[in-house]
Amino acid sequence: MTTIIKIQNLKCGGCANTIIKKISDIENVTNVNVNVAESTVTFDSLGQNEITLVRHKMAVLGYPADGESNSVVSKAKSYFSCASGKMS
């Protein structure tokens, strides 16, 4: 099943690198792709359980799904995740 999630706080390729790496680590989640221009993450998974795990991981990294709470803390986390992605 292919899923596309529109996310918040996505700024650059560094963010994308972090997201791809962290989401690809989730079991049964494959073909992770991030479109910076559209602020989306696309991936294949077995079902709803993996989608829920991806949405949770995105929020933990500072990239909550569009429509979810986007606090100052989330924005700060996204800057850290971005910097981490630029260094890898």
PDB file of N, CA and C in Angstrom:
ATOM      1  N   MET A   1       0.842  -1.157   0.000  1.00  0.00           N
ATOM      2  CA  MET A   1       0.000   0.000   0.000  1.00  0.00           C
ATOM      3  C   MET A   1       0.899   1.236   0.000  1.00  0.00           C
ATOM      4  N   THR A   2       0.674   2.138  -0.928  1.00  0.00           N
ATOM      5  CA  THR A   2       1.438   3.382  -0.999  1.00  0.00           C
ATOM      6  C   THR A   2       0.669   4.480  -0.276  1.00  0.00           C
ATOM      7  N   THR A   3       1.376   5.215   0.561  1.00  0.00           N
ATOM      8  CA  THR A   3       0.777   6.283   1.361  1.00  0.00           C
ATOM      9  C   THR A   3       1.545   7.577   1.129  1.00  0.00           C
ATOM     10  N   ILE A   4       0.826   8.679   1.028  1.00  0.00           N
ATOM     11  CA  ILE A   4       1.428  10.012   0.935  1.00  0.00           C
ATOM     12  C   ILE A   4       0.915  10.824   2.114  1.00  0.00           C
ATOM     13  N   ILE A   5       1.850  11.395   2.875  1.00  0.00           N
ATOM     14  CA  ILE A   5       1.480  12.233   4.013  1.00  0.00           C
ATOM     15  C   ILE A   5       2.080  13.619   3.804  1.00  0.00           C
ATOM     16  N   LYS A   6       1.238  14.639   3.863  1.00  0.00           N
ATOM     17  CA  LYS A   6       1.713  16.025   3.806  1.00  0.00           C
ATOM     18  C   LYS A   6       2.180  16.384   5.208  1.00  0.00           C
ATOM     19  N   ILE A   7       3.407  16.920   5.299  1.00  0.00           N
ATOM     20  CA  ILE A   7       3.989  17.208   6.610  1.00  0.00           C
ATOM     21  C   ILE A   7       4.353  18.682   6.757  1.00  0.00           C
ATOM     22  N   GLN A   8       4.565  19.094   7.993  1.00  0.00           N
ATOM     23  CA  GLN A   8       4.928  20.471   8.317  1.00  0.00           C
ATOM     24  C   GLN A   8       6.431  20.570   8.626  1.00  0.00           C
ATOM     25  N   ASN A   9       6.963  21.755   8.526  1.00  0.00           N
ATOM     26  CA  ASN A   9       8.337  22.107   8.915  1.00  0.00           C
ATOM     27  C   ASN A   9       9.418  21.563   7.977  1.00  0.00           C
ATOM     28  N   LEU A  10       9.064  21.005   6.857  1.00  0.00           N
ATOM     29  CA  LEU A  10      10.048  20.487   5.907  1.00  0.00           C
ATOM     30  C   LEU A  10      10.670  21.660   5.162  1.00  0.00           C
ATOM     31  N   LYS A  11      12.000  21.777   5.259  1.00  0.00           N
ATOM     32  CA  LYS A  11      12.669  22.942   4.704  1.00  0.00           C
ATOM     33  C   LYS A  11      13.662  22.641   3.578  1.00  0.00           C
ATOM     34  N   CYS A  12      14.349  21.492   3.664  1.00  0.00           N
ATOM     35  CA  CYS A  12      15.453  21.295   2.723  1.00  0.00           C
ATOM     36  C   CYS A  12      15.832  19.820   2.586  1.00  0.00           C
ATOM     37  N   GLY A  13      16.888  19.585   1.838  1.00  0.00           N
ATOM     38  CA  GLY A  13      17.393  18.238   1.643  1.00  0.00           C
ATOM     39  C   GLY A  13      17.913  17.598   2.918  1.00  0.00           C
ATOM     40  N   GLY A  14      18.390  18.405   3.853  1.00  0.00           N
ATOM     41  CA  GLY A  14      18.841  17.863   5.142  1.00  0.00           C
ATOM     42  C   GLY A  14      17.676  17.245   5.895  1.00  0.00           C
ATOM     43  N   CYS A  15      16.550  17.940   5.883  1.00  0.00           N
ATOM     44  CA  CYS A  15      15.330  17.402   6.497  1.00  0.00           C
ATOM     45  C   CYS A  15      14.950  16.095   5.806  1.00  0.00           C
ATOM     46  N   ALA A  16      14.956  16.118   4.487  1.00  0.00           N
ATOM     47  CA  ALA A  16      14.579  14.942   3.706  1.00  0.00           C
ATOM     48  C   ALA A  16      15.474  13.752   4.027  1.00  0.00           C
ATOM     49  N   ASN A  17      16.784  13.971   4.130  1.00  0.00           N
ATOM     50  CA  ASN A  17      17.710  12.881   4.451  1.00  0.00           C
ATOM     51  C   ASN A  17      17.382  12.238   5.793  1.00  0.00           C
ATOM     52  N   THR A  18      17.121  13.074   6.798  1.00  0.00           N
ATOM     53  CA  THR A  18      16.777  12.555   8.119  1.00  0.00           C
ATOM     54  C   THR A  18      15.489  11.740   8.062  1.00  0.00           C
ATOM     55  N   ILE A  19      14.485  12.271   7.401  1.00  0.00           N
ATOM     56  CA  ILE A  19      13.198  11.585   7.309  1.00  0.00           C
ATOM     57  C   ILE A  19      13.354  10.241   6.608  1.00  0.00           C
ATOM     58  N   ILE A  20      14.035  10.227   5.473  1.00  0.00           N
ATOM     59  CA  ILE A  20      14.215   8.975   4.725  1.00  0.00           C
ATOM     60  C   ILE A  20      14.923   7.938   5.583  1.00  0.00           C
ATOM     61  N   LYS A  21      15.993   8.357   6.255  1.00  0.00           N
ATOM     62  CA  LYS A  21      16.757   7.415   7.074  1.00  0.00           C
ATOM     63  C   LYS A  21      15.911   6.858   8.217  1.00  0.00           C
ATOM     64  N   LYS A  22      15.247   7.722   8.955  1.00  0.00           N
ATOM     65  CA  LYS A  22      14.499   7.291  10.141  1.00  0.00           C
ATOM     66  C   LYS A  22      13.245   6.487   9.784  1.00  0.00           C
ATOM     67  N   ILE A  23      12.561   6.876   8.740  1.00  0.00           N
ATOM     68  CA  ILE A  23      11.335   6.168   8.351  1.00  0.00           C
ATOM     69  C   ILE A  23      11.683   4.820   7.717  1.00  0.00           C
ATOM     70  N   SER A  24      12.771   4.754   6.987  1.00  0.00           N
ATOM     71  CA  SER A  24      13.191   3.486   6.376  1.00  0.00           C
ATOM     72  C   SER A  24      13.560   2.444   7.420  1.00  0.00           C
ATOM     73  N   ASP A  25      13.880   2.884   8.639  1.00  0.00           N
ATOM     74  CA  ASP A  25      14.219   1.956   9.721  1.00  0.00           C
ATOM     75  C   ASP A  25      12.999   1.236  10.300  1.00  0.00           C
ATOM     76  N   ILE A  26      11.806   1.709   9.977  1.00  0.00           N
ATOM     77  CA  ILE A  26      10.585   1.083  10.497  1.00  0.00           C
ATOM     78  C   ILE A  26      10.319  -0.195   9.701  1.00  0.00           C
ATOM     79  N   GLU A  27      10.113  -1.288  10.430  1.00  0.00           N
ATOM     80  CA  GLU A  27       9.872  -2.583   9.796  1.00  0.00           C
ATOM     81  C   GLU A  27       8.633  -2.525   8.896  1.00  0.00           C
ATOM     82  N   ASN A  28       8.739  -3.124   7.727  1.00  0.00           N
ATOM     83  CA  ASN A  28       7.669  -3.205   6.730  1.00  0.00           C
ATOM     84  C   ASN A  28       7.339  -1.873   6.066  1.00  0.00           C
ATOM     85  N   VAL A  29       8.251  -0.895   6.163  1.00  0.00           N
ATOM     86  CA  VAL A  29       8.102   0.376   5.454  1.00  0.00           C
ATOM     87  C   VAL A  29       9.243   0.457   4.450  1.00  0.00           C
ATOM     88  N   THR A  30       8.894   0.614   3.171  1.00  0.00           N
ATOM     89  CA  THR A  30       9.887   0.630   2.093  1.00  0.00           C
ATOM     90  C   THR A  30       9.614   1.786   1.131  1.00  0.00           C
ATOM     91  N   ASN A  31      10.555   1.991   0.219  1.00  0.00           N
ATOM     92  CA  ASN A  31      10.414   2.987  -0.853  1.00  0.00           C
ATOM     93  C   ASN A  31      10.049   4.372  -0.328  1.00  0.00           C
ATOM     94  N   VAL A  32      10.766   4.816   0.695  1.00  0.00           N
ATOM     95  CA  VAL A  32      10.496   6.123   1.299  1.00  0.00           C
ATOM     96  C   VAL A  32      11.063   7.212   0.391  1.00  0.00           C
ATOM     97  N   ASN A  33      10.227   8.198   0.099  1.00  0.00           N
ATOM     98  CA  ASN A  33      10.629   9.319  -0.745  1.00  0.00           C
ATOM     99  C   ASN A  33      10.072  10.602  -0.127  1.00  0.00           C
ATOM    100  N   VAL A  34      10.860  11.662  -0.175  1.00  0.00           N
ATOM    101  CA  VAL A  34      10.417  12.954   0.354  1.00  0.00           C
ATOM    102  C   VAL A  34      10.452  13.978  -0.772  1.00  0.00           C
ATOM    103  N   ASN A  35       9.364  14.703  -0.931  1.00  0.00           N
ATOM    104  CA  ASN A  35       9.282  15.777  -1.913  1.00  0.00           C
ATOM    105  C   ASN A  35       9.292  17.093  -1.144  1.00  0.00           C
ATOM    106  N   VAL A  36      10.436  17.771  -1.155  1.00  0.00           N
ATOM    107  CA  VAL A  36      10.589  19.004  -0.381  1.00  0.00           C
ATOM    108  C   VAL A  36       9.653  20.086  -0.906  1.00  0.00           C
ATOM    109  N   ALA A  37       9.528  20.202  -2.217  1.00  0.00           N
ATOM    110  CA  ALA A  37       8.694  21.253  -2.806  1.00  0.00           C
ATOM    111  C   ALA A  37       7.227  21.117  -2.403  1.00  0.00           C
ATOM    112  N   GLU A  38       6.753  19.884  -2.257  1.00  0.00           N
ATOM    113  CA  GLU A  38       5.355  19.653  -1.902  1.00  0.00           C
ATOM    114  C   GLU A  38       5.152  19.335  -0.424  1.00  0.00           C
ATOM    115  N   SER A  39       6.246  19.244   0.335  1.00  0.00           N
ATOM    116  CA  SER A  39       6.202  18.902   1.767  1.00  0.00           C
ATOM    117  C   SER A  39       5.463  17.590   2.011  1.00  0.00           C
ATOM    118  N   THR A  40       5.863  16.567   1.245  1.00  0.00           N
ATOM    119  CA  THR A  40       5.225  15.259   1.404  1.00  0.00           C
ATOM    120  C   THR A  40       6.268  14.163   1.599  1.00  0.00           C
ATOM    121  N   VAL A  41       5.829  13.119   2.285  1.00  0.00           N
ATOM    122  CA  VAL A  41       6.605  11.892   2.396  1.00  0.00           C
ATOM    123  C   VAL A  41       5.726  10.776   1.830  1.00  0.00           C
ATOM    124  N   THR A  42       6.315   9.961   0.953  1.00  0.00           N
ATOM    125  CA  THR A  42       5.616   8.852   0.318  1.00  0.00           C
ATOM    126  C   THR A  42       6.342   7.570   0.691  1.00  0.00           C
ATOM    127  N   PHE A  43       5.588   6.517   0.983  1.00  0.00           N
ATOM    128  CA  PHE A  43       6.205   5.241   1.346  1.00  0.00           C
ATOM    129  C   PHE A  43       5.232   4.103   1.087  1.00  0.00           C
ATOM    130  N   ASP A  44       5.777   2.905   1.000  1.00  0.00           N
ATOM    131  CA  ASP A  44       4.982   1.689   0.883  1.00  0.00           C
ATOM    132  C   ASP A  44       5.002   0.979   2.229  1.00  0.00           C
ATOM    133  N   SER A  45       3.876   0.380   2.589  1.00  0.00           N
ATOM    134  CA  SER A  45       3.787  -0.360   3.852  1.00  0.00           C
ATOM    135  C   SER A  45       2.737  -1.452   3.725  1.00  0.00           C
ATOM    136  N   LEU A  46       2.679  -2.287   4.754  1.00  0.00           N
ATOM    137  CA  LEU A  46       1.702  -3.372   4.764  1.00  0.00           C
ATOM    138  C   LEU A  46       0.300  -2.898   5.141  1.00  0.00           C
ATOM    139  N   GLY A  47       0.216  -1.861   5.984  1.00  0.00           N
ATOM    140  CA  GLY A  47      -1.115  -1.425   6.396  1.00  0.00           C
ATOM    141  C   GLY A  47      -1.119  -0.283   7.381  1.00  0.00           C
ATOM    142  N   GLN A  48      -2.252  -0.138   8.059  1.00  0.00           N
ATOM    143  CA  GLN A  48      -2.491   0.996   8.944  1.00  0.00           C
ATOM    144  C   GLN A  48      -1.523   1.062  10.119  1.00  0.00           C
ATOM    145  N   ASN A  49      -1.087  -0.068  10.641  1.00  0.00           N
ATOM    146  CA  ASN A  49      -0.157  -0.058  11.769  1.00  0.00           C
ATOM    147  C   ASN A  49       1.130   0.686  11.403  1.00  0.00           C
ATOM    148  N   GLU A  50       1.678   0.397  10.239  1.00  0.00           N
ATOM    149  CA  GLU A  50       2.913   1.069   9.806  1.00  0.00           C
ATOM    150  C   GLU A  50       2.671   2.554   9.541  1.00  0.00           C
ATOM    151  N   ILE A  51       1.511   2.885   8.991  1.00  0.00           N
ATOM    152  CA  ILE A  51       1.182   4.293   8.739  1.00  0.00           C
ATOM    153  C   ILE A  51       1.143   5.060  10.054  1.00  0.00           C
ATOM    154  N   THR A  52       0.543   4.466  11.069  1.00  0.00           N
ATOM    155  CA  THR A  52       0.493   5.085  12.396  1.00  0.00           C
ATOM    156  C   THR A  52       1.900   5.264  12.956  1.00  0.00           C
ATOM    157  N   LEU A  53       2.753   4.253  12.795  1.00  0.00           N
ATOM    158  CA  LEU A  53       4.141   4.353  13.267  1.00  0.00           C
ATOM    159  C   LEU A  53       4.896   5.463  12.541  1.00  0.00           C
ATOM    160  N   VAL A  54       4.686   5.582  11.241  1.00  0.00           N
ATOM    161  CA  VAL A  54       5.353   6.643  10.464  1.00  0.00           C
ATOM    162  C   VAL A  54       4.881   8.010  10.944  1.00  0.00           C
ATOM    163  N   ARG A  55       3.590   8.192  11.110  1.00  0.00           N
ATOM    164  CA  ARG A  55       3.059   9.481  11.554  1.00  0.00           C
ATOM    165  C   ARG A  55       3.627   9.855  12.925  1.00  0.00           C
ATOM    166  N   HIS A  56       3.731   8.870  13.815  1.00  0.00           N
ATOM    167  CA  HIS A  56       4.299   9.113  15.140  1.00  0.00           C
ATOM    168  C   HIS A  56       5.779   9.496  15.028  1.00  0.00           C
ATOM    169  N   LYS A  57       6.538   8.755  14.250  1.00  0.00           N
ATOM    170  CA  LYS A  57       7.974   9.036  14.075  1.00  0.00           C
ATOM    171  C   LYS A  57       8.174  10.421  13.477  1.00  0.00           C
ATOM    172  N   MET A  58       7.335  10.787  12.518  1.00  0.00           N
ATOM    173  CA  MET A  58       7.444  12.113  11.906  1.00  0.00           C
ATOM    174  C   MET A  58       7.245  13.206  12.963  1.00  0.00           C
ATOM    175  N   ALA A  59       6.260  13.022  13.827  1.00  0.00           N
ATOM    176  CA  ALA A  59       5.996  14.008  14.878  1.00  0.00           C
ATOM    177  C   ALA A  59       7.169  14.090  15.854  1.00  0.00           C
ATOM    178  N   VAL A  60       7.736  12.942  16.214  1.00  0.00           N
ATOM    179  CA  VAL A  60       8.883  12.906  17.127  1.00  0.00           C
ATOM    180  C   VAL A  60      10.078  13.652  16.521  1.00  0.00           C
ATOM    181  N   LEU A  61      10.254  13.527  15.215  1.00  0.00           N
ATOM    182  CA  LEU A  61      11.361  14.195  14.528  1.00  0.00           C
ATOM    183  C   LEU A  61      11.125  15.694  14.333  1.00  0.00           C
ATOM    184  N   GLY A  62       9.887  16.151  14.565  1.00  0.00           N
ATOM    185  CA  GLY A  62       9.573  17.570  14.391  1.00  0.00           C
ATOM    186  C   GLY A  62       8.862  17.870  13.089  1.00  0.00           C
ATOM    187  N   TYR A  63       8.327  16.850  12.437  1.00  0.00           N
ATOM    188  CA  TYR A  63       7.622  17.013  11.167  1.00  0.00           C
ATOM    189  C   TYR A  63       6.216  16.425  11.268  1.00  0.00           C
ATOM    190  N   PRO A  64       5.341  17.034  12.077  1.00  0.00           N
ATOM    191  CA  PRO A  64       3.996  16.481  12.218  1.00  0.00           C
ATOM    192  C   PRO A  64       3.226  16.550  10.900  1.00  0.00           C
ATOM    193  N   ALA A  65       2.271  15.652  10.752  1.00  0.00           N
ATOM    194  CA  ALA A  65       1.420  15.650   9.562  1.00  0.00           C
ATOM    195  C   ALA A  65       0.625  16.950   9.513  1.00  0.00           C
ATOM    196  N   ASP A  66       0.316  17.378   8.305  1.00  0.00           N
ATOM    197  CA  ASP A  66      -0.485  18.578   8.111  1.00  0.00           C
ATOM    198  C   ASP A  66      -1.787  18.432   8.888  1.00  0.00           C
ATOM    199  N   GLY A  67      -2.145  19.452   9.658  1.00  0.00           N
ATOM    200  CA  GLY A  67      -3.357  19.419  10.453  1.00  0.00           C
ATOM    201  C   GLY A  67      -3.131  18.999  11.894  1.00  0.00           C
ATOM    202  N   GLU A  68      -1.970  18.395  12.192  1.00  0.00           N
ATOM    203  CA  GLU A  68      -1.644  18.030  13.570  1.00  0.00           C
ATOM    204  C   GLU A  68      -0.986  19.224  14.257  1.00  0.00           C
ATOM    205  N   SER A  69      -0.928  19.169  15.579  1.00  0.00           N
ATOM    206  CA  SER A  69      -0.316  20.232  16.364  1.00  0.00           C
ATOM    207  C   SER A  69       1.132  20.462  15.929  1.00  0.00           C
ATOM    208  N   ASN A  70       1.481  21.738  15.739  1.00  0.00           N
ATOM    209  CA  ASN A  70       2.832  22.108  15.324  1.00  0.00           C
ATOM    210  C   ASN A  70       3.361  23.170  16.294  1.00  0.00           C
ATOM    211  N   SER A  71       3.769  22.711  17.451  1.00  0.00           N
ATOM    212  CA  SER A  71       4.202  23.608  18.520  1.00  0.00           C
ATOM    213  C   SER A  71       5.606  24.146  18.253  1.00  0.00           C
ATOM    214  N   VAL A  72       6.011  25.074  19.102  1.00  0.00           N
ATOM    215  CA  VAL A  72       7.366  25.612  19.036  1.00  0.00           C
ATOM    216  C   VAL A  72       8.376  24.475  19.242  1.00  0.00           C
ATOM    217  N   VAL A  73       8.045  23.523  20.104  1.00  0.00           N
ATOM    218  CA  VAL A  73       8.921  22.378  20.355  1.00  0.00           C
ATOM    219  C   VAL A  73       9.088  21.554  19.080  1.00  0.00           C
ATOM    220  N   SER A  74       8.007  21.325  18.347  1.00  0.00           N
ATOM    221  CA  SER A  74       8.089  20.579  17.084  1.00  0.00           C
ATOM    222  C   SER A  74       8.988  21.303  16.094  1.00  0.00           C
ATOM    223  N   LYS A  75       8.832  22.602  16.007  1.00  0.00           N
ATOM    224  CA  LYS A  75       9.645  23.389  15.082  1.00  0.00           C
ATOM    225  C   LYS A  75      11.119  23.317  15.468  1.00  0.00           C
ATOM    226  N   ALA A  76      11.406  23.369  16.756  1.00  0.00           N
ATOM    227  CA  ALA A  76      12.799  23.261  17.221  1.00  0.00           C
ATOM    228  C   ALA A  76      13.364  21.879  16.905  1.00  0.00           C
ATOM    229  N   LYS A  77      12.572  20.838  17.100  1.00  0.00           N
ATOM    230  CA  LYS A  77      13.020  19.484  16.779  1.00  0.00           C
ATOM    231  C   LYS A  77      13.332  19.354  15.297  1.00  0.00           C
ATOM    232  N   SER A  78      12.541  19.999  14.458  1.00  0.00           N
ATOM    233  CA  SER A  78      12.780  19.906  13.018  1.00  0.00           C
ATOM    234  C   SER A  78      14.110  20.558  12.642  1.00  0.00           C
ATOM    235  N   TYR A  79      14.498  21.633  13.310  1.00  0.00           N
ATOM    236  CA  TYR A  79      15.795  22.259  13.037  1.00  0.00           C
ATOM    237  C   TYR A  79      16.937  21.326  13.395  1.00  0.00           C
ATOM    238  N   PHE A  80      16.807  20.620  14.515  1.00  0.00           N
ATOM    239  CA  PHE A  80      17.827  19.656  14.918  1.00  0.00           C
ATOM    240  C   PHE A  80      17.889  18.513  13.909  1.00  0.00           C
ATOM    241  N   SER A  81      16.717  17.986  13.520  1.00  0.00           N
ATOM    242  CA  SER A  81      16.675  16.890  12.544  1.00  0.00           C
ATOM    243  C   SER A  81      17.260  17.330  11.210  1.00  0.00           C
ATOM    244  N   CYS A  82      16.993  18.550  10.822  1.00  0.00           N
ATOM    245  CA  CYS A  82      17.516  19.117   9.573  1.00  0.00           C
ATOM    246  C   CYS A  82      19.044  19.148   9.613  1.00  0.00           C
ATOM    247  N   ALA A  83      19.587  19.690  10.699  1.00  0.00           N
ATOM    248  CA  ALA A  83      21.052  19.785  10.838  1.00  0.00           C
ATOM    249  C   ALA A  83      21.689  18.399  10.829  1.00  0.00           C
ATOM    250  N   SER A  84      21.048  17.466  11.494  1.00  0.00           N
ATOM    251  CA  SER A  84      21.547  16.092  11.519  1.00  0.00           C
ATOM    252  C   SER A  84      21.566  15.494  10.108  1.00  0.00           C
ATOM    253  N   GLY A  85      20.538  15.760   9.330  1.00  0.00           N
ATOM    254  CA  GLY A  85      20.453  15.252   7.968  1.00  0.00           C
ATOM    255  C   GLY A  85      21.476  15.872   7.044  1.00  0.00           C
ATOM    256  N   LYS A  86      21.845  17.097   7.300  1.00  0.00           N
ATOM    257  CA  LYS A  86      22.863  17.770   6.468  1.00  0.00           C
ATOM    258  C   LYS A  86      24.251  17.188   6.723  1.00  0.00           C
ATOM    259  N   MET A  87      24.465  16.676   7.939  1.00  0.00           N
ATOM    260  CA  MET A  87      25.787  16.144   8.277  1.00  0.00           C
ATOM    261  C   MET A  87      25.974  14.702   7.826  1.00  0.00           C
ATOM    262  N   SER A  88      24.878  14.034   7.471  1.00  0.00           N
ATOM    263  CA  SER A  88      25.011  12.630   7.061  1.00  0.00           C
ATOM    264  C   SER A  88      25.048  12.467   5.556  1.00  0.00           C
TER     265      SER A  88
END
